[in-house]
């Protein structure tokens, strides 16, 4: 998330009102209800991880050991088990 200058996007009256509460600091404005995006949705990271996990499960089902999968994907044995047993 990048920071924006309130003076660039908000009306002067609103900036003056906000300055009564906060000056020179950062203010987080949350998304409206129903418009919040889950982690990785915007960047595509969630899709990449889901695809990787599906691949791990398929390889495990085809006989590759948990230890070999951990080494191949640079994950811990515990993480591989968690991926396999959660599906």
PDB file of N, CA and C in Angstrom:
ATOM      1  N   UNK A   1       0.846  -1.164   0.000  1.00  0.00           N
ATOM      2  CA  UNK A   1       0.000   0.000   0.000  1.00  0.00           C
ATOM      3  C   UNK A   1       0.892   1.228   0.000  1.00  0.00           C
ATOM      4  N   UNK A   2       0.600   2.169  -0.871  1.00  0.00           N
ATOM      5  CA  UNK A   2       1.409   3.384  -0.880  1.00  0.00           C
ATOM      6  C   UNK A   2       0.655   4.493  -0.145  1.00  0.00           C
ATOM      7  N   UNK A   3       1.413   5.417   0.387  1.00  0.00           N
ATOM      8  CA  UNK A   3       0.825   6.525   1.111  1.00  0.00           C
ATOM      9  C   UNK A   3       0.504   7.667   0.163  1.00  0.00           C
ATOM     10  N   UNK A   4      -0.603   8.320   0.434  1.00  0.00           N
ATOM     11  CA  UNK A   4      -1.027   9.461  -0.369  1.00  0.00           C
ATOM     12  C   UNK A   4      -1.092  10.694   0.521  1.00  0.00           C
ATOM     13  N   UNK A   5      -0.845  11.836  -0.056  1.00  0.00           N
ATOM     14  CA  UNK A   5      -0.968  13.092   0.667  1.00  0.00           C
ATOM     15  C   UNK A   5      -2.436  13.500   0.654  1.00  0.00           C
ATOM     16  N   UNK A   6      -3.005  13.695   1.843  1.00  0.00           N
ATOM     17  CA  UNK A   6      -4.416  14.057   1.952  1.00  0.00           C
ATOM     18  C   UNK A   6      -4.732  15.330   1.175  1.00  0.00           C
ATOM     19  N   UNK A   7      -3.790  16.257   1.118  1.00  0.00           N
ATOM     20  CA  UNK A   7      -4.009  17.520   0.403  1.00  0.00           C
ATOM     21  C   UNK A   7      -4.224  17.282  -1.096  1.00  0.00           C
ATOM     22  N   UNK A   8      -3.704  16.167  -1.600  1.00  0.00           N
ATOM     23  CA  UNK A   8      -3.824  15.868  -3.022  1.00  0.00           C
ATOM     24  C   UNK A   8      -5.156  15.237  -3.399  1.00  0.00           C
ATOM     25  N   UNK A   9      -5.834  14.619  -2.429  1.00  0.00           N
ATOM     26  CA  UNK A   9      -7.038  13.874  -2.801  1.00  0.00           C
ATOM     27  C   UNK A   9      -8.310  14.272  -2.044  1.00  0.00           C
ATOM     28  N   UNK A  10      -8.177  14.976  -0.943  1.00  0.00           N
ATOM     29  CA  UNK A  10      -9.354  15.324  -0.147  1.00  0.00           C
ATOM     30  C   UNK A  10      -9.673  16.816  -0.248  1.00  0.00           C
ATOM     31  N   UNK A  11     -10.940  17.160  -0.057  1.00  0.00           N
ATOM     32  CA  UNK A  11     -11.303  18.589  -0.038  1.00  0.00           C
ATOM     33  C   UNK A  11     -10.644  19.301   1.149  1.00  0.00           C
ATOM     34  N   UNK A  12     -10.344  20.589   0.978  1.00  0.00           N
ATOM     35  CA  UNK A  12      -9.663  21.369   2.024  1.00  0.00           C
ATOM     36  C   UNK A  12     -10.401  21.306   3.352  1.00  0.00           C
ATOM     37  N   UNK A  13     -11.714  21.403   3.319  1.00  0.00           N
ATOM     38  CA  UNK A  13     -12.503  21.402   4.559  1.00  0.00           C
ATOM     39  C   UNK A  13     -12.315  20.087   5.321  1.00  0.00           C
ATOM     40  N   UNK A  14     -12.253  18.987   4.596  1.00  0.00           N
ATOM     41  CA  UNK A  14     -12.072  17.687   5.240  1.00  0.00           C
ATOM     42  C   UNK A  14     -10.664  17.557   5.812  1.00  0.00           C
ATOM     43  N   UNK A  15      -9.670  18.059   5.097  1.00  0.00           N
ATOM     44  CA  UNK A  15      -8.291  18.026   5.599  1.00  0.00           C
ATOM     45  C   UNK A  15      -8.196  18.827   6.893  1.00  0.00           C
ATOM     46  N   UNK A  16      -8.799  20.011   6.925  1.00  0.00           N
ATOM     47  CA  UNK A  16      -8.774  20.849   8.142  1.00  0.00           C
ATOM     48  C   UNK A  16      -9.455  20.133   9.304  1.00  0.00           C
ATOM     49  N   UNK A  17     -10.554  19.448   9.018  1.00  0.00           N
ATOM     50  CA  UNK A  17     -11.256  18.699  10.070  1.00  0.00           C
ATOM     51  C   UNK A  17     -10.381  17.553  10.589  1.00  0.00           C
ATOM     52  N   UNK A  18      -9.735  16.832   9.701  1.00  0.00           N
ATOM     53  CA  UNK A  18      -8.855  15.740  10.109  1.00  0.00           C
ATOM     54  C   UNK A  18      -7.668  16.248  10.922  1.00  0.00           C
ATOM     55  N   UNK A  19      -7.179  17.444  10.593  1.00  0.00           N
ATOM     56  CA  UNK A  19      -6.044  18.010  11.313  1.00  0.00           C
ATOM     57  C   UNK A  19      -6.380  18.319  12.768  1.00  0.00           C
ATOM     58  N   UNK A  20      -7.659  18.401  13.091  1.00  0.00           N
ATOM     59  CA  UNK A  20      -8.062  18.588  14.492  1.00  0.00           C
ATOM     60  C   UNK A  20      -7.767  17.320  15.304  1.00  0.00           C
ATOM     61  N   UNK A  21      -7.692  16.185  14.635  1.00  0.00           N
ATOM     62  CA  UNK A  21      -7.477  14.911  15.300  1.00  0.00           C
ATOM     63  C   UNK A  21      -6.062  14.372  15.131  1.00  0.00           C
ATOM     64  N   UNK A  22      -5.457  14.672  13.993  1.00  0.00           N
ATOM     65  CA  UNK A  22      -4.144  14.103  13.685  1.00  0.00           C
ATOM     66  C   UNK A  22      -3.399  15.030  12.748  1.00  0.00           C
ATOM     67  N   UNK A  23      -2.152  15.370  13.112  1.00  0.00           N
ATOM     68  CA  UNK A  23      -1.316  16.216  12.253  1.00  0.00           C
ATOM     69  C   UNK A  23       0.033  15.536  12.058  1.00  0.00           C
ATOM     70  N   UNK A  24       0.441  15.428  10.813  1.00  0.00           N
ATOM     71  CA  UNK A  24       1.764  14.896  10.509  1.00  0.00           C
ATOM     72  C   UNK A  24       1.913  13.409  10.750  1.00  0.00           C
ATOM     73  N   UNK A  25       0.822  12.694  10.942  1.00  0.00           N
ATOM     74  CA  UNK A  25       0.894  11.253  11.179  1.00  0.00           C
ATOM     75  C   UNK A  25       0.274  10.486  10.035  1.00  0.00           C
ATOM     76  N   UNK A  26       0.169   9.203  10.229  1.00  0.00           N
ATOM     77  CA  UNK A  26      -0.424   8.330   9.225  1.00  0.00           C
ATOM     78  C   UNK A  26      -1.790   7.886   9.710  1.00  0.00           C
ATOM     79  N   UNK A  27      -2.715   7.828   8.807  1.00  0.00           N
ATOM     80  CA  UNK A  27      -4.078   7.416   9.120  1.00  0.00           C
ATOM     81  C   UNK A  27      -4.476   6.300   8.172  1.00  0.00           C
ATOM     82  N   UNK A  28      -4.857   5.170   8.730  1.00  0.00           N
ATOM     83  CA  UNK A  28      -5.304   4.038   7.911  1.00  0.00           C
ATOM     84  C   UNK A  28      -6.811   4.150   7.740  1.00  0.00           C
ATOM     85  N   UNK A  29      -7.274   4.068   6.514  1.00  0.00           N
ATOM     86  CA  UNK A  29      -8.704   4.107   6.238  1.00  0.00           C
ATOM     87  C   UNK A  29      -9.079   2.734   5.678  1.00  0.00           C
ATOM     88  N   UNK A  30      -9.810   1.935   6.466  1.00  0.00           N
ATOM     89  CA  UNK A  30     -10.133   0.581   6.028  1.00  0.00           C
ATOM     90  C   UNK A  30     -11.128   0.576   4.870  1.00  0.00           C
ATOM     91  N   UNK A  31     -11.133  -0.508   4.136  1.00  0.00           N
ATOM     92  CA  UNK A  31     -12.074  -0.679   3.036  1.00  0.00           C
ATOM     93  C   UNK A  31     -13.486  -0.836   3.595  1.00  0.00           C
ATOM     94  N   UNK A  32     -14.464  -0.508   2.783  1.00  0.00           N
ATOM     95  CA  UNK A  32     -15.859  -0.682   3.184  1.00  0.00           C
ATOM     96  C   UNK A  32     -16.143  -2.160   3.372  1.00  0.00           C
ATOM     97  N   UNK A  33     -17.146  -2.455   4.190  1.00  0.00           N
ATOM     98  CA  UNK A  33     -17.548  -3.840   4.386  1.00  0.00           C
ATOM     99  C   UNK A  33     -17.943  -4.446   3.052  1.00  0.00           C
ATOM    100  N   UNK A  34     -17.510  -5.653   2.829  1.00  0.00           N
ATOM    101  CA  UNK A  34     -17.833  -6.333   1.587  1.00  0.00           C
ATOM    102  C   UNK A  34     -16.854  -6.034   0.465  1.00  0.00           C
ATOM    103  N   UNK A  35     -15.959  -5.074   0.640  1.00  0.00           N
ATOM    104  CA  UNK A  35     -14.988  -4.739  -0.392  1.00  0.00           C
ATOM    105  C   UNK A  35     -13.574  -5.111   0.011  1.00  0.00           C
ATOM    106  N   UNK A  36     -13.417  -5.683   1.202  1.00  0.00           N
ATOM    107  CA  UNK A  36     -12.089  -6.072   1.676  1.00  0.00           C
ATOM    108  C   UNK A  36     -11.600  -7.276   0.891  1.00  0.00           C
ATOM    109  N   UNK A  37     -10.376  -7.248   0.490  1.00  0.00           N
ATOM    110  CA  UNK A  37      -9.777  -8.361  -0.246  1.00  0.00           C
ATOM    111  C   UNK A  37      -8.935  -9.189   0.705  1.00  0.00           C
ATOM    112  N   UNK A  38      -8.963 -10.473   0.514  1.00  0.00           N
ATOM    113  CA  UNK A  38      -8.171 -11.344   1.369  1.00  0.00           C
ATOM    114  C   UNK A  38      -6.704 -11.289   0.954  1.00  0.00           C
ATOM    115  N   UNK A  39      -5.844 -11.824   1.827  1.00  0.00           N
ATOM    116  CA  UNK A  39      -4.408 -11.763   1.601  1.00  0.00           C
ATOM    117  C   UNK A  39      -4.061 -12.409   0.266  1.00  0.00           C
ATOM    118  N   UNK A  40      -3.222 -11.734  -0.506  1.00  0.00           N
ATOM    119  CA  UNK A  40      -2.699 -12.272  -1.748  1.00  0.00           C
ATOM    120  C   UNK A  40      -3.636 -12.206  -2.937  1.00  0.00           C
ATOM    121  N   UNK A  41      -4.849 -11.735  -2.718  1.00  0.00           N
ATOM    122  CA  UNK A  41      -5.823 -11.685  -3.809  1.00  0.00           C
ATOM    123  C   UNK A  41      -5.412 -10.679  -4.882  1.00  0.00           C
ATOM    124  N   UNK A  42      -4.944  -9.549  -4.474  1.00  0.00           N
ATOM    125  CA  UNK A  42      -4.586  -8.489  -5.416  1.00  0.00           C
ATOM    126  C   UNK A  42      -3.295  -8.815  -6.174  1.00  0.00           C
ATOM    127  N   UNK A  43      -2.305  -9.332  -5.467  1.00  0.00           N
ATOM    128  CA  UNK A  43      -1.000  -9.607  -6.084  1.00  0.00           C
ATOM    129  C   UNK A  43      -0.960 -10.935  -6.848  1.00  0.00           C
ATOM    130  N   UNK A  44      -1.902 -11.805  -6.567  1.00  0.00           N
ATOM    131  CA  UNK A  44      -1.894 -13.123  -7.190  1.00  0.00           C
ATOM    132  C   UNK A  44      -1.112 -14.160  -6.401  1.00  0.00           C
ATOM    133  N   UNK A  45      -0.562 -13.766  -5.266  1.00  0.00           N
ATOM    134  CA  UNK A  45       0.234 -14.690  -4.454  1.00  0.00           C
ATOM    135  C   UNK A  45      -0.610 -15.855  -3.950  1.00  0.00           C
ATOM    136  N   UNK A  46      -1.855 -15.595  -3.602  1.00  0.00           N
ATOM    137  CA  UNK A  46      -2.738 -16.660  -3.114  1.00  0.00           C
ATOM    138  C   UNK A  46      -2.914 -17.750  -4.173  1.00  0.00           C
ATOM    139  N   UNK A  47      -3.120 -17.338  -5.438  1.00  0.00           N
ATOM    140  CA  UNK A  47      -3.285 -18.306  -6.524  1.00  0.00           C
ATOM    141  C   UNK A  47      -2.008 -19.128  -6.712  1.00  0.00           C
ATOM    142  N   UNK A  48      -0.861 -18.475  -6.622  1.00  0.00           N
ATOM    143  CA  UNK A  48       0.420 -19.177  -6.779  1.00  0.00           C
ATOM    144  C   UNK A  48       0.617 -20.219  -5.685  1.00  0.00           C
ATOM    145  N   UNK A  49       0.300 -19.851  -4.454  1.00  0.00           N
ATOM    146  CA  UNK A  49       0.460 -20.786  -3.334  1.00  0.00           C
ATOM    147  C   UNK A  49      -0.524 -21.940  -3.459  1.00  0.00           C
ATOM    148  N   UNK A  50      -1.761 -21.643  -3.851  1.00  0.00           N
ATOM    149  CA  UNK A  50      -2.747 -22.707  -4.037  1.00  0.00           C
ATOM    150  C   UNK A  50      -2.306 -23.684  -5.124  1.00  0.00           C
ATOM    151  N   UNK A  51      -1.750 -23.154  -6.214  1.00  0.00           N
ATOM    152  CA  UNK A  51      -1.259 -24.012  -7.303  1.00  0.00           C
ATOM    153  C   UNK A  51      -0.088 -24.865  -6.818  1.00  0.00           C
ATOM    154  N   UNK A  52       0.825 -24.255  -6.059  1.00  0.00           N
ATOM    155  CA  UNK A  52       1.969 -24.996  -5.510  1.00  0.00           C
ATOM    156  C   UNK A  52       1.489 -26.107  -4.582  1.00  0.00           C
ATOM    157  N   UNK A  53       0.529 -25.797  -3.720  1.00  0.00           N
ATOM    158  CA  UNK A  53       0.023 -26.790  -2.776  1.00  0.00           C
ATOM    159  C   UNK A  53      -0.660 -27.953  -3.500  1.00  0.00           C
ATOM    160  N   UNK A  54      -1.401 -27.634  -4.554  1.00  0.00           N
ATOM    161  CA  UNK A  54      -2.050 -28.679  -5.348  1.00  0.00           C
ATOM    162  C   UNK A  54      -1.002 -29.596  -5.981  1.00  0.00           C
ATOM    163  N   UNK A  55       0.067 -28.987  -6.465  1.00  0.00           N
ATOM    164  CA  UNK A  55       1.165 -29.751  -7.062  1.00  0.00           C
ATOM    165  C   UNK A  55       1.827 -30.650  -6.021  1.00  0.00           C
ATOM    166  N   UNK A  56       2.024 -30.135  -4.822  1.00  0.00           N
ATOM    167  CA  UNK A  56       2.631 -30.915  -3.739  1.00  0.00           C
ATOM    168  C   UNK A  56       1.755 -32.124  -3.420  1.00  0.00           C
ATOM    169  N   UNK A  57       0.450 -31.909  -3.329  1.00  0.00           N
ATOM    170  CA  UNK A  57      -0.468 -33.000  -3.020  1.00  0.00           C
ATOM    171  C   UNK A  57      -0.453 -34.054  -4.125  1.00  0.00           C
ATOM    172  N   UNK A  58      -0.431 -33.627  -5.378  1.00  0.00           N
ATOM    173  CA  UNK A  58      -0.393 -34.569  -6.495  1.00  0.00           C
ATOM    174  C   UNK A  58       0.888 -35.401  -6.456  1.00  0.00           C
ATOM    175  N   UNK A  59       2.009 -34.753  -6.186  1.00  0.00           N
ATOM    176  CA  UNK A  59       3.280 -35.483  -6.123  1.00  0.00           C
ATOM    177  C   UNK A  59       3.292 -36.469  -4.962  1.00  0.00           C
ATOM    178  N   UNK A  60       2.718 -36.051  -3.838  1.00  0.00           N
ATOM    179  CA  UNK A  60       2.638 -36.954  -2.683  1.00  0.00           C
ATOM    180  C   UNK A  60       1.769 -38.162  -3.026  1.00  0.00           C
ATOM    181  N   UNK A  61       0.632 -37.912  -3.687  1.00  0.00           N
ATOM    182  CA  UNK A  61      -0.259 -39.005  -4.096  1.00  0.00           C
ATOM    183  C   UNK A  61       0.415 -39.951  -5.088  1.00  0.00           C
ATOM    184  N   UNK A  62       1.398 -39.426  -5.835  1.00  0.00           N
ATOM    185  CA  UNK A  62       2.135 -40.246  -6.803  1.00  0.00           C
ATOM    186  C   UNK A  62       3.352 -40.928  -6.184  1.00  0.00           C
ATOM    187  N   UNK A  63       3.501 -40.813  -4.865  1.00  0.00           N
ATOM    188  CA  UNK A  63       4.524 -41.593  -4.180  1.00  0.00           C
ATOM    189  C   UNK A  63       5.777 -40.852  -3.746  1.00  0.00           C
ATOM    190  N   UNK A  64       5.877 -39.559  -3.974  1.00  0.00           N
ATOM    191  CA  UNK A  64       7.070 -38.828  -3.539  1.00  0.00           C
ATOM    192  C   UNK A  64       6.967 -38.595  -2.029  1.00  0.00           C
ATOM    193  N   UNK A  65       8.041 -38.834  -1.331  1.00  0.00           N
ATOM    194  CA  UNK A  65       8.026 -38.738   0.132  1.00  0.00           C
ATOM    195  C   UNK A  65       7.924 -37.289   0.606  1.00  0.00           C
ATOM    196  N   UNK A  66       7.449 -37.149   1.820  1.00  0.00           N
ATOM    197  CA  UNK A  66       7.318 -35.824   2.431  1.00  0.00           C
ATOM    198  C   UNK A  66       8.688 -35.160   2.540  1.00  0.00           C
ATOM    199  N   UNK A  67       9.691 -35.925   2.887  1.00  0.00           N
ATOM    200  CA  UNK A  67      11.040 -35.376   3.024  1.00  0.00           C
ATOM    201  C   UNK A  67      11.558 -34.841   1.688  1.00  0.00           C
ATOM    202  N   UNK A  68      11.319 -35.582   0.611  1.00  0.00           N
ATOM    203  CA  UNK A  68      11.758 -35.121  -0.712  1.00  0.00           C
ATOM    204  C   UNK A  68      10.986 -33.880  -1.152  1.00  0.00           C
ATOM    205  N   UNK A  69       9.698 -33.849  -0.853  1.00  0.00           N
ATOM    206  CA  UNK A  69       8.903 -32.665  -1.191  1.00  0.00           C
ATOM    207  C   UNK A  69       9.385 -31.438  -0.408  1.00  0.00           C
ATOM    208  N   UNK A  70       9.722 -31.647   0.853  1.00  0.00           N
ATOM    209  CA  UNK A  70      10.227 -30.543   1.678  1.00  0.00           C
ATOM    210  C   UNK A  70      11.505 -29.969   1.079  1.00  0.00           C
ATOM    211  N   UNK A  71      12.374 -30.848   0.640  1.00  0.00           N
ATOM    212  CA  UNK A  71      13.630 -30.402   0.029  1.00  0.00           C
ATOM    213  C   UNK A  71      13.376 -29.695  -1.309  1.00  0.00           C
ATOM    214  N   UNK A  72      12.510 -30.286  -2.127  1.00  0.00           N
ATOM    215  CA  UNK A  72      12.231 -29.724  -3.454  1.00  0.00           C
ATOM    216  C   UNK A  72      11.611 -28.328  -3.375  1.00  0.00           C
ATOM    217  N   UNK A  73      10.721 -28.115  -2.416  1.00  0.00           N
ATOM    218  CA  UNK A  73      10.010 -26.840  -2.325  1.00  0.00           C
ATOM    219  C   UNK A  73      10.587 -25.902  -1.262  1.00  0.00           C
ATOM    220  N   UNK A  74      11.680 -26.294  -0.658  1.00  0.00           N
ATOM    221  CA  UNK A  74      12.341 -25.497   0.383  1.00  0.00           C
ATOM    222  C   UNK A  74      11.374 -25.147   1.517  1.00  0.00           C
ATOM    223  N   UNK A  75      10.628 -26.157   1.922  1.00  0.00           N
ATOM    224  CA  UNK A  75       9.701 -26.018   3.046  1.00  0.00           C
ATOM    225  C   UNK A  75      10.077 -27.045   4.105  1.00  0.00           C
ATOM    226  N   UNK A  76       9.590 -26.828   5.310  1.00  0.00           N
ATOM    227  CA  UNK A  76       9.852 -27.798   6.367  1.00  0.00           C
ATOM    228  C   UNK A  76       8.954 -29.021   6.177  1.00  0.00           C
ATOM    229  N   UNK A  77       9.373 -30.125   6.778  1.00  0.00           N
ATOM    230  CA  UNK A  77       8.567 -31.340   6.745  1.00  0.00           C
ATOM    231  C   UNK A  77       7.201 -31.039   7.362  1.00  0.00           C
ATOM    232  N   UNK A  78       7.201 -30.272   8.432  1.00  0.00           N
ATOM    233  CA  UNK A  78       5.948 -29.890   9.097  1.00  0.00           C
ATOM    234  C   UNK A  78       5.024 -29.138   8.134  1.00  0.00           C
ATOM    235  N   UNK A  79       5.563 -28.202   7.357  1.00  0.00           N
ATOM    236  CA  UNK A  79       4.754 -27.430   6.411  1.00  0.00           C
ATOM    237  C   UNK A  79       4.177 -28.325   5.326  1.00  0.00           C
ATOM    238  N   UNK A  80       4.964 -29.255   4.839  1.00  0.00           N
ATOM    239  CA  UNK A  80       4.481 -30.188   3.813  1.00  0.00           C
ATOM    240  C   UNK A  80       3.357 -31.051   4.383  1.00  0.00           C
ATOM    241  N   UNK A  81       3.558 -31.559   5.602  1.00  0.00           N
ATOM    242  CA  UNK A  81       2.498 -32.361   6.240  1.00  0.00           C
ATOM    243  C   UNK A  81       1.210 -31.544   6.380  1.00  0.00           C
ATOM    244  N   UNK A  82       1.359 -30.333   6.795  1.00  0.00           N
ATOM    245  CA  UNK A  82       0.190 -29.461   6.980  1.00  0.00           C
ATOM    246  C   UNK A  82      -0.566 -29.285   5.658  1.00  0.00           C
ATOM    247  N   UNK A  83       0.173 -29.088   4.567  1.00  0.00           N
ATOM    248  CA  UNK A  83      -0.448 -28.928   3.246  1.00  0.00           C
ATOM    249  C   UNK A  83      -1.169 -30.209   2.836  1.00  0.00           C
ATOM    250  N   UNK A  84      -0.515 -31.335   3.034  1.00  0.00           N
ATOM    251  CA  UNK A  84      -1.083 -32.625   2.610  1.00  0.00           C
ATOM    252  C   UNK A  84      -2.307 -32.985   3.446  1.00  0.00           C
ATOM    253  N   UNK A  85      -2.193 -32.851   4.755  1.00  0.00           N
ATOM    254  CA  UNK A  85      -3.273 -33.304   5.632  1.00  0.00           C
ATOM    255  C   UNK A  85      -4.441 -32.315   5.691  1.00  0.00           C
ATOM    256  N   UNK A  86      -4.248 -31.095   5.223  1.00  0.00           N
ATOM    257  CA  UNK A  86      -5.351 -30.137   5.240  1.00  0.00           C
ATOM    258  C   UNK A  86      -6.280 -30.335   4.059  1.00  0.00           C
ATOM    259  N   UNK A  87      -5.847 -31.129   3.090  1.00  0.00           N
ATOM    260  CA  UNK A  87      -6.692 -31.370   1.901  1.00  0.00           C
ATOM    261  C   UNK A  87      -7.205 -32.749   2.004  1.00  0.00           C
TER     262      UNK A  87
END
